[in-house]
Amino acid sequence: MDYTIRHATADDADALVRMHTLAHEQCYASQLPAAFFEARRASILERAERRRPHLAGAEPRMIAVDANGDIVGFADAGPGRDADRPGELELYSLYTLNHAYGSGLGAALLASALGDSPAYLWVLEDNPRARAFYAKHGFQPDGERRLLPPEWYELPELRLARPGAASPKAAK
């Protein structure tokens, strides 16, 4: 799969929210009811407007664009939001469309958002594919668990953390 990874801009908000909505449907169809996805589709324009200023910030907001110019994945990270955070950097989200699974795109997005920095993230407890992906990249459960808000049907999620990877210079 050919793709280009770049920083998202406010102009990408609509396409990014549409891709994110489709990714949610592809990832969580077995865990959330159809009404959840209908509501997400109905709120695309509103969510895109809320996301625009967020995309103008300095934190990594990376998107992957395919040869047709379509967004096929994204990752964003920034300062940790948890009071008891296990590190300063948090991966807020990473999604690819399912036709990109296994292509290396997820790993490329992860690297573009975090580099080899220590970081943490939250992942749905019942998401074995994502948990295996993050484990492959050094993330392990740190013992924290929480429930998502009611609009997400209180699905449980786990916090995963990783120490920093040795940089190539340090390995020499």
Protein backbone atom coordinates (compact mmCIF):
# COMPACT_ATOMS: atom_id res chain seq x y z
CA MET A 1 0.00 0.00 0.00
CA ASP A 2 1.38 3.38 -0.99
CA TYR A 3 0.73 6.22 1.41
CA THR A 4 2.19 9.50 2.57
CA ILE A 5 2.29 10.48 6.22
CA ARG A 6 2.05 14.16 7.04
CA HIS A 7 0.83 16.53 9.71
CA ALA A 8 -2.89 17.10 9.52
CA THR A 9 -4.17 20.63 9.05
CA ALA A 10 -7.50 22.26 9.84
CA ASP A 11 -8.42 21.71 6.18
CA ASP A 12 -8.28 17.94 6.80
CA ALA A 13 -10.90 18.02 9.56
CA ASP A 14 -13.91 16.88 7.53
CA ALA A 15 -12.13 14.01 5.76
CA LEU A 16 -10.40 12.98 8.98
CA VAL A 17 -13.64 12.81 10.97
CA ARG A 18 -15.29 10.82 8.17
CA MET A 19 -12.36 8.35 8.13
CA HIS A 20 -12.39 8.14 11.95
CA THR A 21 -16.13 7.40 11.90
CA LEU A 22 -15.64 4.60 9.36
CA ALA A 23 -12.71 3.20 11.38
CA HIS A 24 -14.90 3.09 14.48
CA GLU A 25 -17.54 1.16 12.55
CA GLN A 26 -14.93 -1.28 11.27
CA CYS A 27 -13.26 -1.75 14.67
CA TYR A 28 -16.18 -1.77 17.07
CA ALA A 29 -19.20 -3.11 15.15
CA SER A 30 -19.39 -6.16 17.41
CA GLN A 31 -19.17 -4.10 20.61
CA LEU A 32 -21.49 -1.17 20.02
CA PRO A 33 -25.07 -0.98 18.75
CA ALA A 34 -26.03 0.35 15.33
CA ALA A 35 -27.58 3.42 16.98
CA PHE A 36 -24.12 4.46 18.21
CA PHE A 37 -22.76 4.52 14.67
CA GLU A 38 -25.86 6.26 13.31
CA ALA A 39 -25.35 9.04 15.86
CA ARG A 40 -21.66 9.30 14.96
CA ARG A 41 -22.50 9.63 11.27
CA ALA A 42 -25.17 12.24 12.04
CA SER A 43 -22.64 14.35 13.98
CA ILE A 44 -19.79 14.34 11.44
CA LEU A 45 -20.07 18.02 10.51
CA GLU A 46 -20.27 19.14 14.14
CA ARG A 47 -17.32 16.95 15.15
CA ALA A 48 -15.26 18.22 12.19
CA GLU A 49 -15.83 21.82 13.34
CA ARG A 50 -14.73 20.91 16.87
CA ARG A 51 -11.63 19.16 15.52
CA ARG A 52 -10.43 22.02 13.29
CA PRO A 53 -8.75 24.07 16.05
CA HIS A 54 -7.28 20.87 17.53
CA LEU A 55 -5.57 20.13 14.20
CA ALA A 56 -3.97 23.57 14.21
CA GLY A 57 -2.07 22.79 17.45
CA ALA A 58 1.59 21.87 17.81
CA GLU A 59 1.14 18.28 19.01
CA PRO A 60 1.63 15.49 16.47
CA ARG A 61 -1.60 15.02 14.50
CA MET A 62 -0.44 12.68 11.77
CA ILE A 63 -2.50 11.42 8.86
CA ALA A 64 -1.77 8.83 6.21
CA VAL A 65 -3.01 9.65 2.73
CA ASP A 66 -3.20 7.05 -0.03
CA ALA A 67 -2.40 7.52 -3.72
CA ASN A 68 -5.97 8.75 -4.33
CA GLY A 69 -5.62 11.46 -1.68
CA ASP A 70 -7.91 9.66 0.77
CA ILE A 71 -7.08 9.56 4.46
CA VAL A 72 -6.56 5.90 5.41
CA GLY A 73 -5.13 6.32 8.89
CA PHE A 74 -4.18 8.77 11.61
CA ALA A 75 -2.41 9.03 14.94
CA ASP A 76 -2.28 11.84 17.43
CA ALA A 77 -0.35 12.31 20.63
CA GLY A 78 0.42 14.96 23.17
CA PRO A 79 0.92 15.65 26.86
CA GLY A 80 -0.45 12.96 29.14
CA ARG A 81 -3.89 13.74 30.54
CA ASP A 82 -3.96 11.33 33.48
CA ALA A 83 -3.11 12.69 36.95
CA ASP A 84 -1.24 9.44 37.66
CA ARG A 85 0.23 9.18 34.17
CA PRO A 86 3.05 6.71 33.73
CA GLY A 87 4.81 9.07 31.33
CA GLU A 88 4.65 12.56 29.90
CA LEU A 89 3.50 11.54 26.40
CA GLU A 90 0.13 9.99 25.61
CA LEU A 91 -0.98 8.43 22.34
CA TYR A 92 -4.53 9.75 22.11
CA SER A 93 -5.54 7.64 19.14
CA LEU A 94 -4.31 5.57 16.25
CA TYR A 95 -6.64 4.18 13.59
CA THR A 96 -6.27 2.74 10.11
CA LEU A 97 -9.00 1.53 7.83
CA ASN A 98 -9.21 -2.24 7.74
CA HIS A 99 -7.93 -2.53 4.16
CA ALA A 100 -4.61 -1.16 5.48
CA TYR A 101 -4.27 -3.77 8.25
CA GLY A 102 -0.99 -5.66 8.01
CA SER A 103 0.57 -3.13 5.64
CA GLY A 104 2.90 -1.51 8.18
CA LEU A 105 0.86 1.68 8.15
CA GLY A 106 -0.05 1.43 11.85
CA ALA A 107 3.60 1.06 12.82
CA ALA A 108 4.57 4.00 10.60
CA LEU A 109 1.86 6.18 12.17
CA LEU A 110 2.90 5.13 15.67
CA ALA A 111 6.52 6.04 14.93
CA SER A 112 5.53 9.37 13.40
CA ALA A 113 3.45 10.33 16.43
CA LEU A 114 5.71 9.02 19.22
CA GLY A 115 9.13 8.24 17.83
CA ASP A 116 10.85 6.04 20.40
CA SER A 117 9.68 8.10 23.38
CA PRO A 118 8.23 6.57 26.51
CA ALA A 119 4.46 6.84 26.21
CA TYR A 120 1.13 5.46 27.32
CA LEU A 121 -2.32 4.96 25.82
CA TRP A 122 -5.77 3.58 26.53
CA VAL A 123 -7.21 0.68 24.52
CA LEU A 124 -10.50 -1.19 24.71
CA GLU A 125 -10.08 -4.24 26.89
CA ASP A 126 -11.86 -6.38 24.29
CA ASN A 127 -9.69 -5.41 21.34
CA PRO A 128 -7.20 -8.26 20.89
CA ARG A 129 -5.91 -7.00 17.54
CA ALA A 130 -4.99 -3.57 18.91
CA ARG A 131 -3.58 -5.00 22.13
CA ALA A 132 -1.32 -7.37 20.14
CA PHE A 133 -0.20 -4.49 17.92
CA TYR A 134 0.72 -2.34 20.91
CA ALA A 135 2.46 -5.24 22.68
CA LYS A 136 4.59 -5.73 19.56
CA HIS A 137 5.64 -2.08 19.98
CA GLY A 138 6.57 -2.39 23.65
CA PHE A 139 3.31 -1.38 25.35
CA GLN A 140 2.19 -3.45 28.34
CA PRO A 141 -0.75 -3.09 30.75
CA ASP A 142 0.21 -1.01 33.77
CA GLY A 143 -2.69 -2.22 35.93
CA GLU A 144 -5.08 0.70 35.32
CA ARG A 145 -8.59 0.03 34.02
CA ARG A 146 -11.55 2.35 33.56
CA LEU A 147 -14.95 2.49 31.91
CA LEU A 148 -15.69 4.75 28.98
CA PRO A 149 -18.52 7.27 29.43
CA PRO A 150 -22.17 6.24 28.99
CA GLU A 151 -22.30 7.44 25.37
CA TRP A 152 -19.66 4.76 24.71
CA TYR A 153 -21.77 2.22 26.60
CA GLU A 154 -19.22 2.13 29.42
CA LEU A 155 -16.93 -0.25 27.57
CA PRO A 156 -13.89 -1.12 29.68
CA GLU A 157 -10.44 -0.01 28.60
CA LEU A 158 -6.93 -0.68 29.85
CA ARG A 159 -3.96 1.63 30.09
CA LEU A 160 -0.80 0.42 28.36
CA ALA A 161 2.63 1.96 28.81
CA ARG A 162 6.06 1.53 27.32
CA PRO A 163 9.49 2.71 28.32
CA GLY A 164 11.53 4.58 25.75
CA ALA A 165 13.25 2.49 23.10
CA ALA A 166 16.99 2.72 22.74
CA SER A 167 17.83 5.18 20.03
CA PRO A 168 20.03 3.96 17.15
CA LYS A 169 22.80 6.31 18.31
CA ALA A 170 22.72 4.87 21.85
CA ALA A 171 22.89 1.32 20.49
CA LYS A 172 26.23 1.91 18.76
